[in-house]
């Protein structure tokens, strides 16, 4: 999917709407990773708790997320 989808174009869209202006808060996660985490559940029929476990367990998910 890396070569089929231009993930960088999504990064620009997410960055424009996902701001964190508070100086006390933690930095935002990478926008590209966030978009990829949103598509994985639909591709693999995963619920959020299961997605978290699979990302920690599957090397292919970790490679995809970078």
PDB file of N, CA and C in Angstrom:
ATOM      1  N   UNK A   1       0.805  -1.196   0.000  1.00  0.00           N
ATOM      2  CA  UNK A   1       0.000   0.000   0.000  1.00  0.00           C
ATOM      3  C   UNK A   1       0.850   1.263   0.000  1.00  0.00           C
ATOM      4  N   UNK A   2       2.106   1.122   0.392  1.00  0.00           N
ATOM      5  CA  UNK A   2       2.971   2.294   0.421  1.00  0.00           C
ATOM      6  C   UNK A   2       3.104   2.932  -0.966  1.00  0.00           C
ATOM      7  N   UNK A   3       3.203   2.094  -1.984  1.00  0.00           N
ATOM      8  CA  UNK A   3       3.380   2.641  -3.332  1.00  0.00           C
ATOM      9  C   UNK A   3       2.051   3.010  -3.987  1.00  0.00           C
ATOM     10  N   UNK A   4       0.947   2.479  -3.501  1.00  0.00           N
ATOM     11  CA  UNK A   4      -0.359   2.738  -4.111  1.00  0.00           C
ATOM     12  C   UNK A   4      -1.028   3.999  -3.582  1.00  0.00           C
ATOM     13  N   UNK A   5      -0.680   4.418  -2.374  1.00  0.00           N
ATOM     14  CA  UNK A   5      -1.338   5.560  -1.740  1.00  0.00           C
ATOM     15  C   UNK A   5      -0.294   6.612  -1.390  1.00  0.00           C
ATOM     16  N   UNK A   6      -0.604   7.851  -1.707  1.00  0.00           N
ATOM     17  CA  UNK A   6       0.271   8.976  -1.358  1.00  0.00           C
ATOM     18  C   UNK A   6      -0.063   9.414   0.060  1.00  0.00           C
ATOM     19  N   UNK A   7       0.616   8.833   1.037  1.00  0.00           N
ATOM     20  CA  UNK A   7       0.334   9.111   2.441  1.00  0.00           C
ATOM     21  C   UNK A   7       0.697  10.534   2.832  1.00  0.00           C
ATOM     22  N   UNK A   8       1.649  11.126   2.147  1.00  0.00           N
ATOM     23  CA  UNK A   8       2.064  12.489   2.477  1.00  0.00           C
ATOM     24  C   UNK A   8       0.949  13.497   2.230  1.00  0.00           C
ATOM     25  N   UNK A   9       0.100  13.250   1.249  1.00  0.00           N
ATOM     26  CA  UNK A   9      -1.008  14.179   1.001  1.00  0.00           C
ATOM     27  C   UNK A   9      -1.987  14.179   2.176  1.00  0.00           C
ATOM     28  N   UNK A  10      -2.166  13.043   2.829  1.00  0.00           N
ATOM     29  CA  UNK A  10      -3.023  12.983   4.012  1.00  0.00           C
ATOM     30  C   UNK A  10      -2.390  13.727   5.183  1.00  0.00           C
ATOM     31  N   UNK A  11      -1.088  13.671   5.275  1.00  0.00           N
ATOM     32  CA  UNK A  11      -0.372  14.341   6.364  1.00  0.00           C
ATOM     33  C   UNK A  11      -0.690  15.839   6.361  1.00  0.00           C
ATOM     34  N   UNK A  12      -0.703  16.447   5.194  1.00  0.00           N
ATOM     35  CA  UNK A  12      -0.980  17.877   5.093  1.00  0.00           C
ATOM     36  C   UNK A  12      -2.403  18.211   5.532  1.00  0.00           C
ATOM     37  N   UNK A  13      -3.357  17.371   5.170  1.00  0.00           N
ATOM     38  CA  UNK A  13      -4.750  17.595   5.554  1.00  0.00           C
ATOM     39  C   UNK A  13      -4.906  17.479   7.064  1.00  0.00           C
ATOM     40  N   UNK A  14      -4.356  16.428   7.631  1.00  0.00           N
ATOM     41  CA  UNK A  14      -4.491  16.197   9.073  1.00  0.00           C
ATOM     42  C   UNK A  14      -3.768  17.291   9.858  1.00  0.00           C
ATOM     43  N   UNK A  15      -2.602  17.664   9.410  1.00  0.00           N
ATOM     44  CA  UNK A  15      -1.832  18.685  10.120  1.00  0.00           C
ATOM     45  C   UNK A  15      -2.590  20.011  10.166  1.00  0.00           C
ATOM     46  N   UNK A  16      -3.352  20.307   9.112  1.00  0.00           N
ATOM     47  CA  UNK A  16      -4.093  21.568   9.056  1.00  0.00           C
ATOM     48  C   UNK A  16      -5.234  21.606  10.073  1.00  0.00           C
ATOM     49  N   UNK A  17      -5.814  20.453  10.399  1.00  0.00           N
ATOM     50  CA  UNK A  17      -6.959  20.437  11.310  1.00  0.00           C
ATOM     51  C   UNK A  17      -6.615  19.896  12.700  1.00  0.00           C
ATOM     52  N   UNK A  18      -5.462  19.309  12.855  1.00  0.00           N
ATOM     53  CA  UNK A  18      -5.075  18.690  14.119  1.00  0.00           C
ATOM     54  C   UNK A  18      -3.993  19.526  14.764  1.00  0.00           C
ATOM     55  N   UNK A  19      -4.397  20.520  15.526  1.00  0.00           N
ATOM     56  CA  UNK A  19      -3.426  21.410  16.152  1.00  0.00           C
ATOM     57  C   UNK A  19      -3.426  21.219  17.660  1.00  0.00           C
ATOM     58  N   UNK A  20      -2.322  21.558  18.246  1.00  0.00           N
ATOM     59  CA  UNK A  20      -2.166  21.457  19.688  1.00  0.00           C
ATOM     60  C   UNK A  20      -1.437  22.728  20.132  1.00  0.00           C
ATOM     61  N   UNK A  21      -2.213  23.715  20.558  1.00  0.00           N
ATOM     62  CA  UNK A  21      -1.641  25.012  20.867  1.00  0.00           C
ATOM     63  C   UNK A  21      -1.212  25.179  22.326  1.00  0.00           C
ATOM     64  N   UNK A  22      -1.548  24.221  23.166  1.00  0.00           N
ATOM     65  CA  UNK A  22      -1.229  24.363  24.573  1.00  0.00           C
ATOM     66  C   UNK A  22       0.248  24.048  24.825  1.00  0.00           C
ATOM     67  N   UNK A  23       0.959  24.941  25.494  1.00  0.00           N
ATOM     68  CA  UNK A  23       2.390  24.690  25.747  1.00  0.00           C
ATOM     69  C   UNK A  23       2.629  23.584  26.776  1.00  0.00           C
ATOM     70  N   UNK A  24       1.619  23.239  27.563  1.00  0.00           N
ATOM     71  CA  UNK A  24       1.793  22.209  28.597  1.00  0.00           C
ATOM     72  C   UNK A  24       1.485  20.795  28.119  1.00  0.00           C
ATOM     73  N   UNK A  25       0.836  20.672  26.984  1.00  0.00           N
ATOM     74  CA  UNK A  25       0.420  19.338  26.538  1.00  0.00           C
ATOM     75  C   UNK A  25       1.548  18.600  25.822  1.00  0.00           C
ATOM     76  N   UNK A  26       1.358  17.301  25.709  1.00  0.00           N
ATOM     77  CA  UNK A  26       2.349  16.473  25.012  1.00  0.00           C
ATOM     78  C   UNK A  26       2.308  16.767  23.519  1.00  0.00           C
ATOM     79  N   UNK A  27       3.392  16.523  22.818  1.00  0.00           N
ATOM     80  CA  UNK A  27       3.390  16.744  21.365  1.00  0.00           C
ATOM     81  C   UNK A  27       2.425  15.790  20.674  1.00  0.00           C
ATOM     82  N   UNK A  28       1.907  16.230  19.549  1.00  0.00           N
ATOM     83  CA  UNK A  28       1.001  15.393  18.774  1.00  0.00           C
ATOM     84  C   UNK A  28       1.747  14.206  18.177  1.00  0.00           C
ATOM     85  N   UNK A  29       1.058  13.073  18.043  1.00  0.00           N
ATOM     86  CA  UNK A  29       1.662  11.956  17.319  1.00  0.00           C
ATOM     87  C   UNK A  29       1.858  12.340  15.845  1.00  0.00           C
ATOM     88  N   UNK A  30       2.683  11.603  15.173  1.00  0.00           N
ATOM     89  CA  UNK A  30       2.932  11.842  13.760  1.00  0.00           C
ATOM     90  C   UNK A  30       1.629  11.725  12.962  1.00  0.00           C
ATOM     91  N   UNK A  31       1.358  12.685  12.105  1.00  0.00           N
ATOM     92  CA  UNK A  31       0.113  12.708  11.344  1.00  0.00           C
ATOM     93  C   UNK A  31      -0.010  11.515  10.397  1.00  0.00           C
ATOM     94  N   UNK A  32       1.098  11.118   9.790  1.00  0.00           N
ATOM     95  CA  UNK A  32       1.069   9.977   8.881  1.00  0.00           C
ATOM     96  C   UNK A  32       0.707   8.687   9.596  1.00  0.00           C
ATOM     97  N   UNK A  33       1.241   8.495  10.787  1.00  0.00           N
ATOM     98  CA  UNK A  33       0.916   7.304  11.582  1.00  0.00           C
ATOM     99  C   UNK A  33      -0.556   7.328  11.985  1.00  0.00           C
ATOM    100  N   UNK A  34      -1.047   8.497  12.328  1.00  0.00           N
ATOM    101  CA  UNK A  34      -2.454   8.599  12.726  1.00  0.00           C
ATOM    102  C   UNK A  34      -3.390   8.180  11.599  1.00  0.00           C
ATOM    103  N   UNK A  35      -3.107   8.623  10.383  1.00  0.00           N
ATOM    104  CA  UNK A  35      -3.944   8.260   9.235  1.00  0.00           C
ATOM    105  C   UNK A  35      -3.874   6.754   8.986  1.00  0.00           C
ATOM    106  N   UNK A  36      -2.694   6.205   9.056  1.00  0.00           N
ATOM    107  CA  UNK A  36      -2.544   4.766   8.833  1.00  0.00           C
ATOM    108  C   UNK A  36      -3.258   3.956   9.910  1.00  0.00           C
ATOM    109  N   UNK A  37      -3.240   4.452  11.145  1.00  0.00           N
ATOM    110  CA  UNK A  37      -3.968   3.767  12.223  1.00  0.00           C
ATOM    111  C   UNK A  37      -5.475   3.814  12.014  1.00  0.00           C
ATOM    112  N   UNK A  38      -5.948   4.793  11.286  1.00  0.00           N
ATOM    113  CA  UNK A  38      -7.378   4.875  11.000  1.00  0.00           C
ATOM    114  C   UNK A  38      -7.819   3.901   9.904  1.00  0.00           C
ATOM    115  N   UNK A  39      -6.929   3.577   8.977  1.00  0.00           N
ATOM    116  CA  UNK A  39      -7.319   2.668   7.899  1.00  0.00           C
ATOM    117  C   UNK A  39      -7.142   1.194   8.262  1.00  0.00           C
ATOM    118  N   UNK A  40      -6.207   0.884   9.138  1.00  0.00           N
ATOM    119  CA  UNK A  40      -5.968  -0.518   9.509  1.00  0.00           C
ATOM    120  C   UNK A  40      -7.212  -1.241  10.034  1.00  0.00           C
ATOM    121  N   UNK A  41      -8.012  -0.635  10.915  1.00  0.00           N
ATOM    122  CA  UNK A  41      -9.197  -1.356  11.408  1.00  0.00           C
ATOM    123  C   UNK A  41     -10.178  -1.728  10.302  1.00  0.00           C
ATOM    124  N   UNK A  42     -10.344  -0.868   9.313  1.00  0.00           N
ATOM    125  CA  UNK A  42     -11.276  -1.208   8.234  1.00  0.00           C
ATOM    126  C   UNK A  42     -10.701  -2.282   7.311  1.00  0.00           C
ATOM    127  N   UNK A  43      -9.403  -2.291   7.116  1.00  0.00           N
ATOM    128  CA  UNK A  43      -8.798  -3.305   6.262  1.00  0.00           C
ATOM    129  C   UNK A  43      -8.799  -4.686   6.920  1.00  0.00           C
ATOM    130  N   UNK A  44      -8.656  -4.721   8.241  1.00  0.00           N
ATOM    131  CA  UNK A  44      -8.523  -5.998   8.943  1.00  0.00           C
ATOM    132  C   UNK A  44      -9.671  -6.293   9.905  1.00  0.00           C
ATOM    133  N   UNK A  45     -10.737  -5.503   9.866  1.00  0.00           N
ATOM    134  CA  UNK A  45     -11.911  -5.697  10.732  1.00  0.00           C
ATOM    135  C   UNK A  45     -11.520  -5.779  12.203  1.00  0.00           C
ATOM    136  N   UNK A  46     -10.825  -4.765  12.656  1.00  0.00           N
ATOM    137  CA  UNK A  46     -10.349  -4.719  14.037  1.00  0.00           C
ATOM    138  C   UNK A  46     -11.073  -3.633  14.818  1.00  0.00           C
ATOM    139  N   UNK A  47     -11.361  -3.902  16.071  1.00  0.00           N
ATOM    140  CA  UNK A  47     -11.831  -2.875  16.984  1.00  0.00           C
ATOM    141  C   UNK A  47     -10.621  -2.193  17.606  1.00  0.00           C
ATOM    142  N   UNK A  48     -10.804  -1.030  18.214  1.00  0.00           N
ATOM    143  CA  UNK A  48      -9.681  -0.264  18.752  1.00  0.00           C
ATOM    144  C   UNK A  48      -8.787  -1.048  19.716  1.00  0.00           C
ATOM    145  N   UNK A  49      -9.350  -1.755  20.707  1.00  0.00           N
ATOM    146  CA  UNK A  49      -8.458  -2.492  21.614  1.00  0.00           C
ATOM    147  C   UNK A  49      -7.648  -3.577  20.888  1.00  0.00           C
ATOM    148  N   UNK A  50      -8.290  -4.214  19.916  1.00  0.00           N
ATOM    149  CA  UNK A  50      -7.592  -5.252  19.158  1.00  0.00           C
ATOM    150  C   UNK A  50      -6.519  -4.635  18.257  1.00  0.00           C
ATOM    151  N   UNK A  51      -6.796  -3.477  17.702  1.00  0.00           N
ATOM    152  CA  UNK A  51      -5.805  -2.784  16.876  1.00  0.00           C
ATOM    153  C   UNK A  51      -4.544  -2.501  17.687  1.00  0.00           C
ATOM    154  N   UNK A  52      -4.735  -2.032  18.901  1.00  0.00           N
ATOM    155  CA  UNK A  52      -3.588  -1.733  19.760  1.00  0.00           C
ATOM    156  C   UNK A  52      -2.747  -2.982  20.014  1.00  0.00           C
ATOM    157  N   UNK A  53      -3.408  -4.095  20.268  1.00  0.00           N
ATOM    158  CA  UNK A  53      -2.676  -5.355  20.498  1.00  0.00           C
ATOM    159  C   UNK A  53      -1.952  -5.819  19.233  1.00  0.00           C
ATOM    160  N   UNK A  54      -2.622  -5.716  18.093  1.00  0.00           N
ATOM    161  CA  UNK A  54      -2.023  -6.196  16.849  1.00  0.00           C
ATOM    162  C   UNK A  54      -0.837  -5.325  16.427  1.00  0.00           C
ATOM    163  N   UNK A  55      -0.939  -4.023  16.643  1.00  0.00           N
ATOM    164  CA  UNK A  55       0.187  -3.141  16.307  1.00  0.00           C
ATOM    165  C   UNK A  55       1.398  -3.502  17.159  1.00  0.00           C
ATOM    166  N   UNK A  56       1.169  -3.831  18.402  1.00  0.00           N
ATOM    167  CA  UNK A  56       2.271  -4.217  19.279  1.00  0.00           C
ATOM    168  C   UNK A  56       2.834  -5.589  18.911  1.00  0.00           C
ATOM    169  N   UNK A  57       2.019  -6.439  18.280  1.00  0.00           N
ATOM    170  CA  UNK A  57       2.400  -7.821  18.032  1.00  0.00           C
ATOM    171  C   UNK A  57       2.873  -8.075  16.597  1.00  0.00           C
ATOM    172  N   UNK A  58       2.216  -7.518  15.617  1.00  0.00           N
ATOM    173  CA  UNK A  58       2.514  -7.838  14.221  1.00  0.00           C
ATOM    174  C   UNK A  58       3.634  -6.951  13.680  1.00  0.00           C
ATOM    175  N   UNK A  59       4.673  -7.570  13.211  1.00  0.00           N
ATOM    176  CA  UNK A  59       5.794  -6.839  12.636  1.00  0.00           C
ATOM    177  C   UNK A  59       5.360  -6.122  11.363  1.00  0.00           C
ATOM    178  N   UNK A  60       4.479  -6.728  10.588  1.00  0.00           N
ATOM    179  CA  UNK A  60       4.025  -6.095   9.353  1.00  0.00           C
ATOM    180  C   UNK A  60       3.282  -4.792   9.632  1.00  0.00           C
ATOM    181  N   UNK A  61       2.504  -4.735  10.706  1.00  0.00           N
ATOM    182  CA  UNK A  61       1.825  -3.497  11.090  1.00  0.00           C
ATOM    183  C   UNK A  61       2.847  -2.453  11.492  1.00  0.00           C
ATOM    184  N   UNK A  62       3.837  -2.852  12.249  1.00  0.00           N
ATOM    185  CA  UNK A  62       4.863  -1.921  12.712  1.00  0.00           C
ATOM    186  C   UNK A  62       5.653  -1.350  11.528  1.00  0.00           C
ATOM    187  N   UNK A  63       5.949  -2.194  10.548  1.00  0.00           N
ATOM    188  CA  UNK A  63       6.658  -1.729   9.361  1.00  0.00           C
ATOM    189  C   UNK A  63       5.801  -0.773   8.560  1.00  0.00           C
ATOM    190  N   UNK A  64       4.514  -1.088   8.432  1.00  0.00           N
ATOM    191  CA  UNK A  64       3.593  -0.229   7.700  1.00  0.00           C
ATOM    192  C   UNK A  64       3.488   1.147   8.356  1.00  0.00           C
ATOM    193  N   UNK A  65       3.442   1.175   9.679  1.00  0.00           N
ATOM    194  CA  UNK A  65       3.327   2.433  10.401  1.00  0.00           C
ATOM    195  C   UNK A  65       4.628   3.225  10.423  1.00  0.00           C
ATOM    196  N   UNK A  66       5.726   2.542  10.177  1.00  0.00           N
ATOM    197  CA  UNK A  66       7.021   3.215  10.151  1.00  0.00           C
ATOM    198  C   UNK A  66       7.601   3.335  11.514  1.00  0.00           C
TER     199      UNK A  66
END
